[in-house]
PDB file of N, CA and C in Angstrom:
ATOM      1  N   UNK A   1       1.037  -1.123  -0.030  1.00  0.00           N
ATOM      2  CA  UNK A   1      -0.097  -0.058   0.008  1.00  0.00           C
ATOM      3  C   UNK A   1       0.930   1.223   0.024  1.00  0.00           C
ATOM      4  N   UNK A   2       1.957   1.406   0.962  1.00  0.00           N
ATOM      5  CA  UNK A   2       2.997   2.479   0.863  1.00  0.00           C
ATOM      6  C   UNK A   2       3.877   2.655  -0.367  1.00  0.00           C
ATOM      7  N   UNK A   3       3.987   1.551  -1.074  1.00  0.00           N
ATOM      8  CA  UNK A   3       4.963   1.557  -1.915  1.00  0.00           C
ATOM      9  C   UNK A   3       4.654   2.593  -3.050  1.00  0.00           C
ATOM     10  N   UNK A   4       5.590   3.595  -3.119  1.00  0.00           N
ATOM     11  CA  UNK A   4       5.129   4.751  -4.358  1.00  0.00           C
ATOM     12  C   UNK A   4       4.647   5.786  -3.608  1.00  0.00           C
ATOM     13  N   UNK A   5       3.710   5.781  -2.643  1.00  0.00           N
ATOM     14  CA  UNK A   5       3.142   6.833  -2.011  1.00  0.00           C
ATOM     15  C   UNK A   5       3.893   7.835  -0.956  1.00  0.00           C
ATOM     16  N   UNK A   6       4.899   7.440  -0.507  1.00  0.00           N
ATOM     17  CA  UNK A   6       5.830   7.878   0.470  1.00  0.00           C
ATOM     18  C   UNK A   6       7.053   7.845  -0.094  1.00  0.00           C
ATOM     19  N   UNK A   7       7.576   9.268  -0.441  1.00  0.00           N
ATOM     20  CA  UNK A   7       8.976   9.465  -0.764  1.00  0.00           C
ATOM     21  C   UNK A   7       9.746  10.115   0.339  1.00  0.00           C
ATOM     22  N   UNK A   8      11.081  10.090   0.118  1.00  0.00           N
ATOM     23  CA  UNK A   8      12.163  10.867   0.891  1.00  0.00           C
ATOM     24  C   UNK A   8      12.992  11.354  -0.168  1.00  0.00           C
ATOM     25  N   UNK A   9      12.941  12.786   0.141  1.00  0.00           N
ATOM     26  CA  UNK A   9      13.975  13.439  -0.677  1.00  0.00           C
ATOM     27  C   UNK A   9      14.787  14.462   0.201  1.00  0.00           C
ATOM     28  N   UNK A  10      15.867  14.651   0.274  1.00  0.00           N
ATOM     29  CA  UNK A  10      16.873  15.513   1.137  1.00  0.00           C
ATOM     30  C   UNK A  10      16.479  16.823   0.702  1.00  0.00           C
ATOM     31  N   UNK A  11      15.907  17.156  -0.577  1.00  0.00           N
ATOM     32  CA  UNK A  11      15.474  18.603  -0.890  1.00  0.00           C
ATOM     33  C   UNK A  11      14.161  18.985  -0.462  1.00  0.00           C
ATOM     34  N   UNK A  12      13.533  18.189  -0.073  1.00  0.00           N
ATOM     35  CA  UNK A  12      12.150  18.488   0.656  1.00  0.00           C
ATOM     36  C   UNK A  12      11.841  18.299   1.987  1.00  0.00           C
ATOM     37  N   UNK A  13      11.391  19.122   2.688  1.00  0.00           N
ATOM     38  CA  UNK A  13      11.298  19.083   4.112  1.00  0.00           C
ATOM     39  C   UNK A  13      12.653  18.462   4.785  1.00  0.00           C
ATOM     40  N   UNK A  14      13.810  18.789   4.227  1.00  0.00           N
ATOM     41  CA  UNK A  14      14.927  18.199   4.917  1.00  0.00           C
ATOM     42  C   UNK A  14      15.021  16.815   5.194  1.00  0.00           C
ATOM     43  N   UNK A  15      14.703  16.152   4.189  1.00  0.00           N
ATOM     44  CA  UNK A  15      14.549  14.725   4.177  1.00  0.00           C
ATOM     45  C   UNK A  15      13.551  13.713   4.605  1.00  0.00           C
ATOM     46  N   UNK A  16      12.469  14.837   5.351  1.00  0.00           N
ATOM     47  CA  UNK A  16      11.298  14.158   6.156  1.00  0.00           C
ATOM     48  C   UNK A  16      10.529  13.328   5.033  1.00  0.00           C
ATOM     49  N   UNK A  17       9.989  12.200   5.600  1.00  0.00           N
ATOM     50  CA  UNK A  17       9.174  11.323   4.605  1.00  0.00           C
ATOM     51  C   UNK A  17       7.881  12.040   4.117  1.00  0.00           C
ATOM     52  N   UNK A  18       7.506  12.149   2.983  1.00  0.00           N
ATOM     53  CA  UNK A  18       6.115  13.279   2.463  1.00  0.00           C
ATOM     54  C   UNK A  18       5.544  12.271   1.460  1.00  0.00           C
ATOM     55  N   UNK A  19       4.380  12.580   1.419  1.00  0.00           N
ATOM     56  CA  UNK A  19       3.407  11.950   0.283  1.00  0.00           C
ATOM     57  C   UNK A  19       4.092  12.525  -1.041  1.00  0.00           C
ATOM     58  N   UNK A  20       4.206  11.462  -1.988  1.00  0.00           N
ATOM     59  CA  UNK A  20       4.654  11.525  -3.040  1.00  0.00           C
ATOM     60  C   UNK A  20       4.209  12.770  -4.016  1.00  0.00           C
ATOM     61  N   UNK A  21       4.775  13.510  -4.641  1.00  0.00           N
ATOM     62  CA  UNK A  21       4.186  14.504  -5.430  1.00  0.00           C
ATOM     63  C   UNK A  21       3.652  15.685  -4.636  1.00  0.00           C
ATOM     64  N   UNK A  22       4.089  15.662  -3.471  1.00  0.00           N
ATOM     65  CA  UNK A  22       3.515  16.720  -2.487  1.00  0.00           C
ATOM     66  C   UNK A  22       4.829  17.288  -1.772  1.00  0.00           C
ATOM     67  N   UNK A  23       4.541  18.466  -0.990  1.00  0.00           N
ATOM     68  CA  UNK A  23       5.497  18.683  -0.015  1.00  0.00           C
ATOM     69  C   UNK A  23       4.935  18.390   1.385  1.00  0.00           C
ATOM     70  N   UNK A  24       3.915  17.362   1.564  1.00  0.00           N
ATOM     71  CA  UNK A  24       3.126  17.275   2.914  1.00  0.00           C
ATOM     72  C   UNK A  24       3.920  16.276   3.364  1.00  0.00           C
ATOM     73  N   UNK A  25       4.190  16.455   4.744  1.00  0.00           N
ATOM     74  CA  UNK A  25       5.036  15.529   5.309  1.00  0.00           C
ATOM     75  C   UNK A  25       4.174  14.352   5.904  1.00  0.00           C
ATOM     76  N   UNK A  26       4.543  13.288   6.059  1.00  0.00           N
ATOM     77  CA  UNK A  26       3.751  12.171   6.737  1.00  0.00           C
ATOM     78  C   UNK A  26       3.566  12.441   8.223  1.00  0.00           C
ATOM     79  N   UNK A  27       4.420  13.091   9.041  1.00  0.00           N
ATOM     80  CA  UNK A  27       3.959  13.351  10.301  1.00  0.00           C
ATOM     81  C   UNK A  27       2.603  14.242  10.441  1.00  0.00           C
ATOM     82  N   UNK A  28       2.704  15.296   9.602  1.00  0.00           N
ATOM     83  CA  UNK A  28       1.612  16.092   9.584  1.00  0.00           C
ATOM     84  C   UNK A  28       0.181  15.568   9.372  1.00  0.00           C
ATOM     85  N   UNK A  29       0.342  14.573   8.449  1.00  0.00           N
ATOM     86  CA  UNK A  29      -1.052  13.711   8.258  1.00  0.00           C
ATOM     87  C   UNK A  29      -1.280  12.952   9.637  1.00  0.00           C
ATOM     88  N   UNK A  30      -0.222  12.258   9.988  1.00  0.00           N
ATOM     89  CA  UNK A  30      -0.357  11.319  11.134  1.00  0.00           C
ATOM     90  C   UNK A  30      -0.964  12.101  12.513  1.00  0.00           C
ATOM     91  N   UNK A  31      -0.327  13.475  12.636  1.00  0.00           N
ATOM     92  CA  UNK A  31      -0.871  14.223  13.788  1.00  0.00           C
ATOM     93  C   UNK A  31      -2.535  14.309  13.617  1.00  0.00           C
ATOM     94  N   UNK A  32      -3.101  14.411  12.472  1.00  0.00           N
ATOM     95  CA  UNK A  32      -4.606  14.690  12.274  1.00  0.00           C
ATOM     96  C   UNK A  32      -4.984  13.340  12.563  1.00  0.00           C
ATOM     97  N   UNK A  33      -4.508  12.285  12.179  1.00  0.00           N
ATOM     98  CA  UNK A  33      -5.108  10.971  12.495  1.00  0.00           C
ATOM     99  C   UNK A  33      -5.050  10.753  14.010  1.00  0.00           C
ATOM    100  N   UNK A  34      -4.065  11.109  14.475  1.00  0.00           N
ATOM    101  CA  UNK A  34      -3.882  10.853  16.085  1.00  0.00           C
ATOM    102  C   UNK A  34      -5.115  11.679  16.834  1.00  0.00           C
ATOM    103  N   UNK A  35      -5.552  12.776  16.048  1.00  0.00           N
ATOM    104  CA  UNK A  35      -6.691  13.518  17.050  1.00  0.00           C
ATOM    105  C   UNK A  35      -7.968  12.989  16.552  1.00  0.00           C
ATOM    106  N   UNK A  36      -7.871  11.914  15.890  1.00  0.00           N
ATOM    107  CA  UNK A  36      -9.227  11.034  15.637  1.00  0.00           C
ATOM    108  C   UNK A  36     -10.098  11.463  14.278  1.00  0.00           C
ATOM    109  N   UNK A  37      -9.277  12.473  13.601  1.00  0.00           N
ATOM    110  CA  UNK A  37     -10.129  13.055  12.384  1.00  0.00           C
ATOM    111  C   UNK A  37     -10.352  12.235  11.287  1.00  0.00           C
ATOM    112  N   UNK A  38     -11.168  11.934  11.156  1.00  0.00           N
ATOM    113  CA  UNK A  38     -11.750  10.684   9.958  1.00  0.00           C
ATOM    114  C   UNK A  38     -10.816  10.929   8.756  1.00  0.00           C
ATOM    115  N   UNK A  39     -10.314   9.847   7.857  1.00  0.00           N
ATOM    116  CA  UNK A  39      -9.677  10.146   6.764  1.00  0.00           C
ATOM    117  C   UNK A  39     -10.158  10.902   5.616  1.00  0.00           C
ATOM    118  N   UNK A  40     -11.362  10.861   5.421  1.00  0.00           N
ATOM    119  CA  UNK A  40     -12.160  11.508   4.443  1.00  0.00           C
ATOM    120  C   UNK A  40     -11.994  13.159   4.899  1.00  0.00           C
ATOM    121  N   UNK A  41     -12.297  13.299   6.175  1.00  0.00           N
ATOM    122  CA  UNK A  41     -12.163  14.598   6.567  1.00  0.00           C
ATOM    123  C   UNK A  41     -10.859  15.368   6.447  1.00  0.00           C
ATOM    124  N   UNK A  42      -9.880  14.526   6.671  1.00  0.00           N
ATOM    125  CA  UNK A  42      -8.735  15.144   6.515  1.00  0.00           C
ATOM    126  C   UNK A  42      -8.193  15.535   4.992  1.00  0.00           C
ATOM    127  N   UNK A  43      -8.795  14.675   4.050  1.00  0.00           N
ATOM    128  CA  UNK A  43      -8.616  14.862   2.791  1.00  0.00           C
ATOM    129  C   UNK A  43      -9.486  16.259   2.427  1.00  0.00           C
ATOM    130  N   UNK A  44     -10.697  16.156   2.842  1.00  0.00           N
ATOM    131  CA  UNK A  44     -11.690  17.375   2.500  1.00  0.00           C
ATOM    132  C   UNK A  44     -11.503  18.712   3.064  1.00  0.00           C
ATOM    133  N   UNK A  45     -11.127  18.653   4.245  1.00  0.00           N
ATOM    134  CA  UNK A  45     -10.704  19.883   4.999  1.00  0.00           C
ATOM    135  C   UNK A  45      -9.416  20.212   5.269  1.00  0.00           C
ATOM    136  N   UNK A  46      -8.265  19.337   5.221  1.00  0.00           N
ATOM    137  CA  UNK A  46      -7.153  19.955   5.482  1.00  0.00           C
ATOM    138  C   UNK A  46      -5.968  19.765   4.172  1.00  0.00           C
ATOM    139  N   UNK A  47      -6.351  18.467   3.395  1.00  0.00           N
ATOM    140  CA  UNK A  47      -5.275  18.348   2.309  1.00  0.00           C
ATOM    141  C   UNK A  47      -6.032  17.871   1.149  1.00  0.00           C
ATOM    142  N   UNK A  48      -6.611  18.840   0.430  1.00  0.00           N
ATOM    143  CA  UNK A  48      -7.455  18.316  -0.619  1.00  0.00           C
ATOM    144  C   UNK A  48      -6.978  17.674  -1.786  1.00  0.00           C
ATOM    145  N   UNK A  49      -5.316  18.042  -1.917  1.00  0.00           N
ATOM    146  CA  UNK A  49      -4.558  17.340  -2.934  1.00  0.00           C
ATOM    147  C   UNK A  49      -4.290  15.948  -2.504  1.00  0.00           C
ATOM    148  N   UNK A  50      -4.672  15.205  -1.459  1.00  0.00           N
ATOM    149  CA  UNK A  50      -4.393  13.946  -1.121  1.00  0.00           C
ATOM    150  C   UNK A  50      -5.886  13.292  -1.554  1.00  0.00           C
ATOM    151  N   UNK A  51      -5.553  11.766  -1.199  1.00  0.00           N
ATOM    152  CA  UNK A  51      -6.750  10.874  -1.178  1.00  0.00           C
ATOM    153  C   UNK A  51      -6.776  10.233  -0.099  1.00  0.00           C
ATOM    154  N   UNK A  52      -7.942   9.497   0.235  1.00  0.00           N
ATOM    155  CA  UNK A  52      -8.092   8.425   1.327  1.00  0.00           C
ATOM    156  C   UNK A  52      -6.928   7.604   1.429  1.00  0.00           C
ATOM    157  N   UNK A  53      -6.429   6.844   0.282  1.00  0.00           N
ATOM    158  CA  UNK A  53      -5.429   6.095   0.261  1.00  0.00           C
ATOM    159  C   UNK A  53      -4.151   6.599   0.452  1.00  0.00           C
ATOM    160  N   UNK A  54      -3.781   7.901   0.286  1.00  0.00           N
ATOM    161  CA  UNK A  54      -2.440   8.545   0.767  1.00  0.00           C
ATOM    162  C   UNK A  54      -2.601   8.577   2.449  1.00  0.00           C
ATOM    163  N   UNK A  55      -3.666   9.010   2.983  1.00  0.00           N
ATOM    164  CA  UNK A  55      -3.930   9.045   4.359  1.00  0.00           C
ATOM    165  C   UNK A  55      -3.290   7.369   4.948  1.00  0.00           C
ATOM    166  N   UNK A  56      -4.139   6.596   4.355  1.00  0.00           N
ATOM    167  CA  UNK A  56      -3.705   5.091   4.738  1.00  0.00           C
ATOM    168  C   UNK A  56      -2.130   4.806   4.550  1.00  0.00           C
ATOM    169  N   UNK A  57      -1.959   5.254   3.486  1.00  0.00           N
ATOM    170  CA  UNK A  57      -0.247   4.804   3.437  1.00  0.00           C
ATOM    171  C   UNK A  57       0.586   5.601   4.224  1.00  0.00           C
ATOM    172  N   UNK A  58       0.424   6.810   4.827  1.00  0.00           N
ATOM    173  CA  UNK A  58       0.865   7.511   6.065  1.00  0.00           C
ATOM    174  C   UNK A  58       0.890   6.550   7.305  1.00  0.00           C
ATOM    175  N   UNK A  59      -0.324   5.899   7.617  1.00  0.00           N
ATOM    176  CA  UNK A  59      -0.640   5.060   8.753  1.00  0.00           C
ATOM    177  C   UNK A  59       0.430   3.686   8.478  1.00  0.00           C
ATOM    178  N   UNK A  60       0.199   3.271   7.392  1.00  0.00           N
ATOM    179  CA  UNK A  60       0.980   1.913   6.996  1.00  0.00           C
ATOM    180  C   UNK A  60       2.381   2.357   7.193  1.00  0.00           C
ATOM    181  N   UNK A  61       3.048   3.316   6.553  1.00  0.00           N
ATOM    182  CA  UNK A  61       4.269   3.869   6.646  1.00  0.00           C
ATOM    183  C   UNK A  61       4.898   3.717   8.244  1.00  0.00           C
ATOM    184  N   UNK A  62       4.186   4.566   9.052  1.00  0.00           N
ATOM    185  CA  UNK A  62       4.473   4.634  10.351  1.00  0.00           C
ATOM    186  C   UNK A  62       4.312   3.089  11.134  1.00  0.00           C
ATOM    187  N   UNK A  63       3.425   2.183  10.765  1.00  0.00           N
ATOM    188  CA  UNK A  63       3.241   0.719  11.124  1.00  0.00           C
ATOM    189  C   UNK A  63       4.757   0.343  10.462  1.00  0.00           C
ATOM    190  N   UNK A  64       5.106   0.281   9.541  1.00  0.00           N
ATOM    191  CA  UNK A  64       6.197  -0.547   8.805  1.00  0.00           C
ATOM    192  C   UNK A  64       7.214  -0.048   9.571  1.00  0.00           C
ATOM    193  N   UNK A  65       7.552   1.354  10.018  1.00  0.00           N
ATOM    194  CA  UNK A  65       8.636   1.751  10.652  1.00  0.00           C
ATOM    195  C   UNK A  65       8.700   1.084  12.109  1.00  0.00           C
ATOM    196  N   UNK A  66       7.879   1.220  12.696  1.00  0.00           N
ATOM    197  CA  UNK A  66       7.875   0.354  14.036  1.00  0.00           C
ATOM    198  C   UNK A  66       8.007  -1.155  14.005  1.00  0.00           C
ATOM    199  N   UNK A  67       7.514  -1.856  13.211  1.00  0.00           N
ATOM    200  CA  UNK A  67       7.860  -3.220  12.903  1.00  0.00           C
ATOM    201  C   UNK A  67       9.354  -3.378  12.632  1.00  0.00           C
ATOM    202  N   UNK A  68       9.942  -2.571  11.990  1.00  0.00           N
ATOM    203  CA  UNK A  68      11.284  -2.658  11.471  1.00  0.00           C
ATOM    204  C   UNK A  68      12.235  -2.273  12.581  1.00  0.00           C
ATOM    205  N   UNK A  69      11.794  -1.525  13.663  1.00  0.00           N
ATOM    206  CA  UNK A  69      12.641  -0.986  14.683  1.00  0.00           C
ATOM    207  C   UNK A  69      13.165  -1.896  15.434  1.00  0.00           C
ATOM    208  N   UNK A  70      14.362  -1.833  15.931  1.00  0.00           N
ATOM    209  CA  UNK A  70      15.155  -2.961  17.116  1.00  0.00           C
ATOM    210  C   UNK A  70      14.967  -2.084  18.174  1.00  0.00           C
ATOM    211  N   UNK A  71      14.708  -2.866  19.384  1.00  0.00           N
ATOM    212  CA  UNK A  71      14.382  -2.317  20.550  1.00  0.00           C
ATOM    213  C   UNK A  71      15.396  -3.130  21.575  1.00  0.00           C
ATOM    214  N   UNK A  72      16.509  -2.277  22.101  1.00  0.00           N
ATOM    215  CA  UNK A  72      17.430  -3.004  22.914  1.00  0.00           C
ATOM    216  C   UNK A  72      17.253  -2.767  24.293  1.00  0.00           C
ATOM    217  N   UNK A  73      16.566  -3.794  25.007  1.00  0.00           N
ATOM    218  CA  UNK A  73      16.283  -3.606  26.667  1.00  0.00           C
ATOM    219  C   UNK A  73      17.445  -3.780  27.312  1.00  0.00           C
ATOM    220  N   UNK A  74      17.767  -3.183  28.363  1.00  0.00           N
ATOM    221  CA  UNK A  74      18.794  -3.243  29.138  1.00  0.00           C
ATOM    222  C   UNK A  74      18.413  -4.534  30.162  1.00  0.00           C
ATOM    223  N   UNK A  75      19.386  -5.154  30.732  1.00  0.00           N
ATOM    224  CA  UNK A  75      18.969  -6.149  31.515  1.00  0.00           C
ATOM    225  C   UNK A  75      18.415  -5.828  32.916  1.00  0.00           C
ATOM    226  N   UNK A  76      17.439  -6.263  33.686  1.00  0.00           N
ATOM    227  CA  UNK A  76      17.015  -5.890  34.660  1.00  0.00           C
ATOM    228  C   UNK A  76      18.022  -6.408  35.842  1.00  0.00           C
ATOM    229  N   UNK A  77      18.166  -5.683  36.879  1.00  0.00           N
ATOM    230  CA  UNK A  77      19.087  -6.165  38.215  1.00  0.00           C
ATOM    231  C   UNK A  77      18.443  -7.237  38.904  1.00  0.00           C
TER     232      UNK A  77
END
């Protein structure tokens, strides 16, 4: 789902992940999702250049990032 929808370009938003073809950073969309704003409302009221699939791709991107993250826990005494 994410493939091709999210891009990273060092010349756009200092290399922050953005929705392809826009200068809209993934984190900005995710902040709206965190506030509980429905995907269609995000598109209609905040980012009319996006699609609901773009918003879903932002969520999917975040999930994939967390899944790939390595967590190193310190041993408990």
